[in-house]
């Protein structure tokens, strides 16, 4: 139930933001795609910032986890012996 309430709350915030910006909802394709890109980058920013705060290495984490999600490259399957 919690993810549904979070999605509803975030949807309300985005709807209010669209209204403040004077953009129709659903947004025109270019605006919607940029919004999705922002959501995707924001989702990846949280684990990166957490790693930075804890003094952990970031570059390999970006390459192994975030870059695949942002670029759409599917993760490499582990080869079975």
C-alpha atoms as a PDB file:
ATOM      1  CA  UNK A   1       0.000   0.000   0.000  1.00  0.00           C
ATOM      2  CA  UNK A   2       2.882   2.367   0.779  1.00  0.00           C
ATOM      3  CA  UNK A   3       4.219   2.533  -2.839  1.00  0.00           C
ATOM      4  CA  UNK A   4       0.714   3.383  -4.074  1.00  0.00           C
ATOM      5  CA  UNK A   5       0.373   6.246  -1.602  1.00  0.00           C
ATOM      6  CA  UNK A   6       3.852   7.513  -2.488  1.00  0.00           C
ATOM      7  CA  UNK A   7       3.002   7.399  -6.206  1.00  0.00           C
ATOM      8  CA  UNK A   8      -0.243   9.271  -5.571  1.00  0.00           C
ATOM      9  CA  UNK A   9       1.542  11.918  -3.499  1.00  0.00           C
ATOM     10  CA  UNK A  10       4.272  12.425  -6.076  1.00  0.00           C
ATOM     11  CA  UNK A  11       1.649  12.569  -8.814  1.00  0.00           C
ATOM     12  CA  UNK A  12      -0.159  15.311  -6.916  1.00  0.00           C
ATOM     13  CA  UNK A  13       3.079  17.273  -6.579  1.00  0.00           C
ATOM     14  CA  UNK A  14       3.863  16.937 -10.286  1.00  0.00           C
ATOM     15  CA  UNK A  15       0.315  17.941 -11.191  1.00  0.00           C
ATOM     16  CA  UNK A  16       0.609  21.042  -9.016  1.00  0.00           C
ATOM     17  CA  UNK A  17       3.976  21.852 -10.615  1.00  0.00           C
ATOM     18  CA  UNK A  18       2.461  21.488 -14.106  1.00  0.00           C
ATOM     19  CA  UNK A  19      -0.302  23.876 -13.078  1.00  0.00           C
ATOM     20  CA  UNK A  20       2.181  26.430 -11.732  1.00  0.00           C
ATOM     21  CA  UNK A  21       4.208  26.221 -14.962  1.00  0.00           C
ATOM     22  CA  UNK A  22       1.095  26.508 -17.118  1.00  0.00           C
ATOM     23  CA  UNK A  23       1.701  23.146 -18.821  1.00  0.00           C
ATOM     24  CA  UNK A  24      -1.152  20.884 -19.801  1.00  0.00           C
ATOM     25  CA  UNK A  25      -1.323  17.401 -18.386  1.00  0.00           C
ATOM     26  CA  UNK A  26      -0.476  15.043 -19.919  1.00  0.00           C
ATOM     27  CA  UNK A  27       2.477  17.094 -20.972  1.00  0.00           C
ATOM     28  CA  UNK A  28       3.552  17.446 -24.582  1.00  0.00           C
ATOM     29  CA  UNK A  29       5.992  14.657 -25.565  1.00  0.00           C
ATOM     30  CA  UNK A  30       9.198  16.716 -25.283  1.00  0.00           C
ATOM     31  CA  UNK A  31       8.312  17.996 -21.826  1.00  0.00           C
ATOM     32  CA  UNK A  32       7.187  14.542 -20.691  1.00  0.00           C
ATOM     33  CA  UNK A  33      10.409  12.905 -21.916  1.00  0.00           C
ATOM     34  CA  UNK A  34      12.562  15.513 -20.186  1.00  0.00           C
ATOM     35  CA  UNK A  35      10.550  14.951 -17.024  1.00  0.00           C
ATOM     36  CA  UNK A  36      11.135  11.203 -17.263  1.00  0.00           C
ATOM     37  CA  UNK A  37      14.857  11.791 -17.801  1.00  0.00           C
ATOM     38  CA  UNK A  38      14.922  14.004 -14.720  1.00  0.00           C
ATOM     39  CA  UNK A  39      13.161  11.317 -12.705  1.00  0.00           C
ATOM     40  CA  UNK A  40      15.626   8.696 -13.888  1.00  0.00           C
ATOM     41  CA  UNK A  41      18.661  10.846 -13.075  1.00  0.00           C
ATOM     42  CA  UNK A  42      17.193  11.829  -9.712  1.00  0.00           C
ATOM     43  CA  UNK A  43      16.624   8.172  -8.859  1.00  0.00           C
ATOM     44  CA  UNK A  44      20.285   7.439  -9.574  1.00  0.00           C
ATOM     45  CA  UNK A  45      21.509  10.528  -7.698  1.00  0.00           C
ATOM     46  CA  UNK A  46      20.309   9.306  -4.304  1.00  0.00           C
ATOM     47  CA  UNK A  47      22.545   6.189  -4.107  1.00  0.00           C
ATOM     48  CA  UNK A  48      25.486   8.167  -5.510  1.00  0.00           C
ATOM     49  CA  UNK A  49      25.132  10.900  -2.884  1.00  0.00           C
ATOM     50  CA  UNK A  50      24.788   8.278  -0.135  1.00  0.00           C
ATOM     51  CA  UNK A  51      28.057   6.681  -1.279  1.00  0.00           C
ATOM     52  CA  UNK A  52      29.781  10.058  -1.386  1.00  0.00           C
ATOM     53  CA  UNK A  53      28.584  10.940   2.125  1.00  0.00           C
ATOM     54  CA  UNK A  54      29.950   7.649   3.465  1.00  0.00           C
ATOM     55  CA  UNK A  55      33.268   8.171   1.683  1.00  0.00           C
ATOM     56  CA  UNK A  56      32.791   5.225  -0.653  1.00  0.00           C
ATOM     57  CA  UNK A  57      34.073   5.052  -4.217  1.00  0.00           C
ATOM     58  CA  UNK A  58      31.575   6.390  -6.765  1.00  0.00           C
ATOM     59  CA  UNK A  59      33.004   5.891 -10.284  1.00  0.00           C
ATOM     60  CA  UNK A  60      32.759   2.104 -10.411  1.00  0.00           C
ATOM     61  CA  UNK A  61      29.301   2.208  -8.814  1.00  0.00           C
ATOM     62  CA  UNK A  62      28.163   4.616 -11.542  1.00  0.00           C
ATOM     63  CA  UNK A  63      29.594   2.401 -14.281  1.00  0.00           C
ATOM     64  CA  UNK A  64      28.240  -0.858 -12.872  1.00  0.00           C
ATOM     65  CA  UNK A  65      24.777   0.258 -11.708  1.00  0.00           C
ATOM     66  CA  UNK A  66      23.655   3.712 -12.760  1.00  0.00           C
ATOM     67  CA  UNK A  67      25.000   3.990 -16.308  1.00  0.00           C
ATOM     68  CA  UNK A  68      23.142   0.881 -17.442  1.00  0.00           C
ATOM     69  CA  UNK A  69      19.851   2.214 -16.134  1.00  0.00           C
ATOM     70  CA  UNK A  70      20.336   5.715 -17.523  1.00  0.00           C
ATOM     71  CA  UNK A  71      21.507   4.630 -20.985  1.00  0.00           C
ATOM     72  CA  UNK A  72      19.131   1.698 -21.276  1.00  0.00           C
ATOM     73  CA  UNK A  73      21.906  -0.834 -21.817  1.00  0.00           C
ATOM     74  CA  UNK A  74      20.725  -4.137 -20.380  1.00  0.00           C
ATOM     75  CA  UNK A  75      22.939  -5.595 -17.657  1.00  0.00           C
ATOM     76  CA  UNK A  76      25.315  -8.316 -18.764  1.00  0.00           C
ATOM     77  CA  UNK A  77      24.166 -11.801 -17.828  1.00  0.00           C
ATOM     78  CA  UNK A  78      26.511 -13.844 -15.711  1.00  0.00           C
ATOM     79  CA  UNK A  79      27.876 -16.792 -17.621  1.00  0.00           C
ATOM     80  CA  UNK A  80      27.216 -20.153 -16.035  1.00  0.00           C
ATOM     81  CA  UNK A  81      30.098 -22.651 -15.997  1.00  0.00           C
END
